[in-house]
Amino acid sequence: MKRRSLQITDKDNVKMVLEDSFKGDVIDTPDGELTLLENVEFAHKVLIRDLKAGEPVIKYGEEIGRVKADTPRGTWIHTHNMSCERGTR
């Protein structure tokens, strides 16, 4: 099922889902449709580009943290897989 989502700026590598979404659902991205790899709750982030461990997560055009491990696009991004510590830049 196609789900609604929001990307704040063109620099962002995440989109926020605007409704509860489920593994296998699809969102639109600048690079085309993206299939979600897991369930994602309303207002949570989904990675829209593959990132390597330590690369920044960008939302609002700003770094909000870094992924803890290699993370594929379509993954739910939250504190379990993103470091939010200051000074990680």
N, C-alpha and C. Protein backbone atom coordinates (compact mmCIF):
# COMPACT_ATOMS: atom_id res chain seq x y z
N MET A 1 0.85 -1.17 0.00
CA MET A 1 0.00 0.00 0.00
C MET A 1 0.89 1.24 0.00
N LYS A 2 0.54 2.24 -0.76
CA LYS A 2 1.31 3.49 -0.79
C LYS A 2 0.92 4.33 0.42
N ARG A 3 1.95 4.86 1.11
CA ARG A 3 1.74 5.67 2.32
C ARG A 3 2.23 7.10 2.08
N ARG A 4 1.61 8.02 2.80
CA ARG A 4 2.01 9.43 2.71
C ARG A 4 3.25 9.66 3.56
N SER A 5 4.13 10.55 3.07
CA SER A 5 5.36 10.86 3.80
C SER A 5 5.79 12.28 3.46
N LEU A 6 6.72 12.81 4.27
CA LEU A 6 7.16 14.19 4.12
C LEU A 6 8.67 14.27 4.24
N GLN A 7 9.29 14.92 3.27
CA GLN A 7 10.72 15.23 3.31
C GLN A 7 10.81 16.74 3.48
N ILE A 8 11.48 17.20 4.54
CA ILE A 8 11.50 18.62 4.87
C ILE A 8 12.33 19.42 3.87
N THR A 9 13.57 18.98 3.56
CA THR A 9 14.42 19.68 2.60
C THR A 9 15.03 18.67 1.62
N ASP A 10 15.54 19.17 0.51
CA ASP A 10 16.20 18.30 -0.47
C ASP A 10 17.46 17.66 0.08
N LYS A 11 18.06 18.25 1.11
CA LYS A 11 19.28 17.71 1.72
C LYS A 11 19.00 16.49 2.59
N ASP A 12 17.76 16.35 3.05
CA ASP A 12 17.41 15.28 4.00
C ASP A 12 17.62 13.90 3.38
N ASN A 13 18.11 12.95 4.20
CA ASN A 13 18.20 11.56 3.76
C ASN A 13 17.18 10.69 4.49
N VAL A 14 16.21 11.34 5.13
CA VAL A 14 15.07 10.65 5.74
C VAL A 14 13.78 11.33 5.32
N LYS A 15 12.70 10.57 5.39
CA LYS A 15 11.35 11.11 5.24
C LYS A 15 10.56 10.69 6.47
N MET A 16 9.59 11.49 6.84
CA MET A 16 8.72 11.16 7.97
C MET A 16 7.43 10.59 7.40
N VAL A 17 7.00 9.44 7.92
CA VAL A 17 5.72 8.88 7.46
C VAL A 17 4.58 9.61 8.15
N LEU A 18 3.54 9.89 7.40
CA LEU A 18 2.41 10.67 7.90
C LEU A 18 1.23 9.81 8.31
N GLU A 19 1.49 8.52 8.44
CA GLU A 19 0.50 7.56 8.93
C GLU A 19 1.23 6.29 9.32
N ASP A 20 0.65 5.49 10.20
CA ASP A 20 1.27 4.22 10.53
C ASP A 20 1.52 3.46 9.23
N SER A 21 2.71 2.89 9.10
CA SER A 21 3.10 2.21 7.87
C SER A 21 3.68 0.85 8.24
N PHE A 22 3.68 -0.06 7.27
CA PHE A 22 4.04 -1.44 7.55
C PHE A 22 5.06 -1.97 6.55
N LYS A 23 5.83 -2.96 6.98
CA LYS A 23 6.81 -3.60 6.12
C LYS A 23 6.13 -3.95 4.79
N GLY A 24 6.77 -3.56 3.69
CA GLY A 24 6.21 -3.82 2.37
C GLY A 24 5.43 -2.66 1.79
N ASP A 25 5.01 -1.70 2.65
CA ASP A 25 4.35 -0.50 2.13
C ASP A 25 5.36 0.31 1.33
N VAL A 26 4.86 1.24 0.54
CA VAL A 26 5.70 2.03 -0.36
C VAL A 26 5.51 3.51 -0.07
N ILE A 27 6.63 4.28 -0.14
CA ILE A 27 6.56 5.74 -0.10
C ILE A 27 7.28 6.28 -1.33
N ASP A 28 6.92 7.48 -1.74
CA ASP A 28 7.61 8.14 -2.84
C ASP A 28 8.85 8.84 -2.32
N THR A 29 9.93 8.80 -3.10
CA THR A 29 11.17 9.52 -2.77
C THR A 29 11.63 10.23 -4.05
N PRO A 30 12.59 11.13 -3.93
CA PRO A 30 13.12 11.79 -5.13
C PRO A 30 13.70 10.79 -6.15
N ASP A 31 14.10 9.61 -5.68
CA ASP A 31 14.66 8.58 -6.56
C ASP A 31 13.64 7.54 -6.98
N GLY A 32 12.36 7.77 -6.74
CA GLY A 32 11.32 6.82 -7.09
C GLY A 32 10.70 6.18 -5.86
N GLU A 33 9.92 5.14 -6.08
CA GLU A 33 9.24 4.48 -4.97
C GLU A 33 10.24 3.70 -4.13
N LEU A 34 9.95 3.64 -2.82
CA LEU A 34 10.80 2.95 -1.86
C LEU A 34 9.92 2.03 -1.02
N THR A 35 10.31 0.76 -0.92
CA THR A 35 9.57 -0.20 -0.10
C THR A 35 10.14 -0.20 1.31
N LEU A 36 9.25 -0.08 2.30
CA LEU A 36 9.66 -0.09 3.70
C LEU A 36 10.12 -1.48 4.11
N LEU A 37 11.21 -1.55 4.85
CA LEU A 37 11.78 -2.82 5.28
C LEU A 37 11.23 -3.29 6.62
N GLU A 38 10.48 -2.42 7.30
CA GLU A 38 9.90 -2.77 8.60
C GLU A 38 8.73 -1.85 8.90
N ASN A 39 7.97 -2.16 9.94
CA ASN A 39 6.86 -1.31 10.36
C ASN A 39 7.41 0.01 10.87
N VAL A 40 6.70 1.11 10.57
CA VAL A 40 7.12 2.44 11.01
C VAL A 40 5.88 3.17 11.52
N GLU A 41 5.95 3.65 12.76
CA GLU A 41 4.83 4.37 13.35
C GLU A 41 4.69 5.77 12.78
N PHE A 42 3.50 6.31 12.85
CA PHE A 42 3.21 7.69 12.44
C PHE A 42 4.26 8.65 12.98
N ALA A 43 4.74 9.56 12.13
CA ALA A 43 5.67 10.64 12.45
C ALA A 43 7.10 10.17 12.71
N HIS A 44 7.40 8.90 12.43
CA HIS A 44 8.77 8.42 12.57
C HIS A 44 9.48 8.50 11.22
N LYS A 45 10.82 8.40 11.26
CA LYS A 45 11.66 8.60 10.09
C LYS A 45 11.98 7.28 9.39
N VAL A 46 12.11 7.38 8.05
CA VAL A 46 12.55 6.28 7.21
C VAL A 46 13.74 6.76 6.40
N LEU A 47 14.79 5.97 6.37
CA LEU A 47 15.98 6.32 5.60
C LEU A 47 15.68 6.17 4.11
N ILE A 48 16.01 7.20 3.32
CA ILE A 48 15.72 7.13 1.88
C ILE A 48 16.99 6.93 1.04
N ARG A 49 18.14 6.83 1.70
CA ARG A 49 19.41 6.53 1.02
C ARG A 49 20.19 5.56 1.91
N ASP A 50 20.92 4.65 1.30
CA ASP A 50 21.79 3.76 2.08
C ASP A 50 22.84 4.60 2.79
N LEU A 51 23.13 4.26 4.04
CA LEU A 51 24.19 4.93 4.79
C LEU A 51 25.14 3.90 5.37
N LYS A 52 26.42 4.25 5.42
CA LYS A 52 27.44 3.42 6.05
C LYS A 52 27.54 3.83 7.53
N ALA A 53 28.01 2.92 8.36
CA ALA A 53 28.18 3.19 9.79
C ALA A 53 28.90 4.52 9.99
N GLY A 54 28.34 5.36 10.87
CA GLY A 54 28.94 6.64 11.20
C GLY A 54 28.53 7.79 10.31
N GLU A 55 27.82 7.52 9.22
CA GLU A 55 27.39 8.62 8.35
C GLU A 55 26.21 9.36 8.99
N PRO A 56 26.08 10.65 8.68
CA PRO A 56 25.04 11.46 9.32
C PRO A 56 23.64 11.20 8.80
N VAL A 57 22.69 11.29 9.73
CA VAL A 57 21.27 11.31 9.40
C VAL A 57 20.89 12.78 9.29
N ILE A 58 20.30 13.16 8.16
CA ILE A 58 19.97 14.56 7.90
C ILE A 58 18.45 14.73 7.87
N LYS A 59 17.95 15.62 8.73
CA LYS A 59 16.54 16.01 8.76
C LYS A 59 16.51 17.51 9.01
N TYR A 60 15.57 18.22 8.42
CA TYR A 60 15.52 19.69 8.50
C TYR A 60 16.76 20.32 7.86
N GLY A 61 17.47 19.57 7.01
CA GLY A 61 18.68 20.06 6.39
C GLY A 61 19.88 20.06 7.32
N GLU A 62 19.73 19.46 8.50
CA GLU A 62 20.78 19.45 9.52
C GLU A 62 21.04 18.02 10.01
N GLU A 63 22.26 17.79 10.47
CA GLU A 63 22.59 16.50 11.06
C GLU A 63 21.88 16.35 12.40
N ILE A 64 21.13 15.25 12.55
CA ILE A 64 20.44 14.99 13.82
C ILE A 64 21.04 13.80 14.55
N GLY A 65 22.00 13.13 13.93
CA GLY A 65 22.65 11.98 14.52
C GLY A 65 23.43 11.24 13.45
N ARG A 66 23.95 10.07 13.83
CA ARG A 66 24.69 9.23 12.90
C ARG A 66 24.24 7.78 13.06
N VAL A 67 24.18 7.05 11.94
CA VAL A 67 23.78 5.65 12.04
C VAL A 67 24.88 4.84 12.72
N LYS A 68 24.46 3.87 13.52
CA LYS A 68 25.39 3.06 14.30
C LYS A 68 26.03 1.95 13.47
N ALA A 69 25.37 1.54 12.38
CA ALA A 69 25.85 0.46 11.52
C ALA A 69 25.42 0.75 10.09
N ASP A 70 25.96 0.00 9.13
CA ASP A 70 25.49 0.14 7.76
C ASP A 70 23.98 -0.06 7.75
N THR A 71 23.27 0.86 7.10
CA THR A 71 21.81 0.86 7.17
C THR A 71 21.23 1.09 5.78
N PRO A 72 20.39 0.16 5.28
CA PRO A 72 19.83 0.32 3.95
C PRO A 72 18.62 1.25 3.93
N ARG A 73 18.38 1.84 2.78
CA ARG A 73 17.20 2.66 2.58
C ARG A 73 15.95 1.83 2.86
N GLY A 74 14.92 2.46 3.39
CA GLY A 74 13.70 1.75 3.75
C GLY A 74 13.64 1.35 5.21
N THR A 75 14.73 1.63 5.95
CA THR A 75 14.82 1.27 7.37
C THR A 75 14.23 2.37 8.24
N TRP A 76 13.53 1.97 9.29
CA TRP A 76 13.04 2.90 10.31
C TRP A 76 14.26 3.43 11.06
N ILE A 77 14.34 4.74 11.20
CA ILE A 77 15.46 5.38 11.89
C ILE A 77 14.96 5.97 13.20
N HIS A 78 15.60 5.54 14.30
CA HIS A 78 15.24 6.01 15.63
C HIS A 78 16.46 5.78 16.54
N THR A 79 16.31 5.93 17.83
CA THR A 79 17.44 5.84 18.75
C THR A 79 18.07 4.45 18.80
N HIS A 80 17.37 3.42 18.37
CA HIS A 80 17.94 2.08 18.40
C HIS A 80 19.04 1.89 17.34
N ASN A 81 19.03 2.69 16.28
CA ASN A 81 20.03 2.53 15.23
C ASN A 81 20.71 3.85 14.83
N MET A 82 20.51 4.89 15.65
CA MET A 82 21.10 6.20 15.38
C MET A 82 21.64 6.78 16.68
N SER A 83 22.87 7.25 16.65
CA SER A 83 23.47 7.94 17.78
C SER A 83 23.06 9.40 17.72
N CYS A 84 22.56 9.92 18.82
CA CYS A 84 22.12 11.32 18.87
C CYS A 84 23.05 12.18 19.71
N GLU A 85 24.21 11.67 20.05
CA GLU A 85 25.15 12.38 20.92
C GLU A 85 25.69 13.63 20.24
N ARG A 86 25.83 14.68 20.99
CA ARG A 86 26.46 15.89 20.50
C ARG A 86 27.94 15.63 20.30
N GLY A 87 28.52 16.34 19.38
CA GLY A 87 29.95 16.21 19.14
C GLY A 87 30.33 15.03 18.27
N THR A 88 29.36 14.40 17.60
CA THR A 88 29.67 13.27 16.73
C THR A 88 29.98 13.72 15.32
N ARG A 89 29.96 15.00 15.07
CA ARG A 89 30.19 15.51 13.71
C ARG A 89 31.63 15.50 13.34
